Every structure is written in structure tokens, then in C-alpha cells.
Amino acid sequence: MTDAPGTTPENPIDNDAEWVKKQIDEYVATDGDLTFSKSQAPLLLLTTKGRKSGVWRRTALIHGEDGGRQIIVASLGGAPKHPVWYLNLEANPEVYLQVGAKSFYGTARTATAEEKPALWAKMVALYPDYADYQVKTDREIPVVIIDPKV
């Protein structure tokens, strides 16, 4: 018997934006052998539990690595509000990731003011548009650190 979609992190509901859904489908089909086409930045799949619904949802995001941790940016293209996935992981920091062919649980948190500058520089080097996104908004764009669960 299969769990209903969204009831477990292993059977999430995918982001419904068509271009993101396409990235997710290609990522899953190729065991993660997919990069973000504009900059060739590496992608991962992030699954978070809804803070209101309790439903597990998955999206594709650019990521970096830092000492065995995954680093992602809650940019939403420089929009004035945080992405929903970020609000979800603030409320429920346990996340599920696929990085390449490997899937695992992790614990997410926002980088501290001391950690952020170096991690931000690393992520802007991977995807320079992040710097432009920060200029577009008054919102401080969070950098998220995800530690794998051991």
C-alpha cells in the first residue's frame, strides 16, 4: 500500500510551478544529474512539512556545500516576502533532501549574522543573480544551513 501524496517526505507533493515541476521530474529521472541551466549551478530537491497543512512539499533549489552541510538561499527572486518553503522549515526544521542519487533527512536553520557573509559569498559565486535579488528587496535574504541527520 502506498502512502497518499504529501503524507510522507518520501512521497511529497511537488511544487506546482510548471518549470520547477519539470526540474524535479528531470532530477528524479536522472538521479540528480541536472544543474540549473542558466549558470550550471548544482541543484538539490528540498522537501519541507507545511507549517499549517502538515503536507510534505518538494521543490528544486540551487545549493552549495560547506563542510558536509548543504547551503541554500531563500531568495524568491528578490520578492518582498520569504518563499513558502522557508517559512515551513522555520516552523518545522526537519527536512528531507535529495542531493544527486542520495536522499536523507536533515535539520535546517538560518545562518547566523556571523556565518552569513562567507556563506552568502559562496552562494553568489555559484549563482551571481543572488546579489541582484538582494538589491531588489528590502528583505534580508536568508541563507539556510542544512545539517544531515546522522
Foldseek 3Di string as FASTA:
>chain_A
DDDDEQQDQVRHAEDPDVVFVVVVVVCVVQQQPDADPVQRAGKKKKWFQQLPPRGIYITIFGWDDDPQKIKGWQLPQLDQDGDRRVVRCVNVQWMWMRHRNDIAIWGKDWDDPVRPPVSVVVVCVRPVSSVVSNVSYPDDITMMIIHTDD
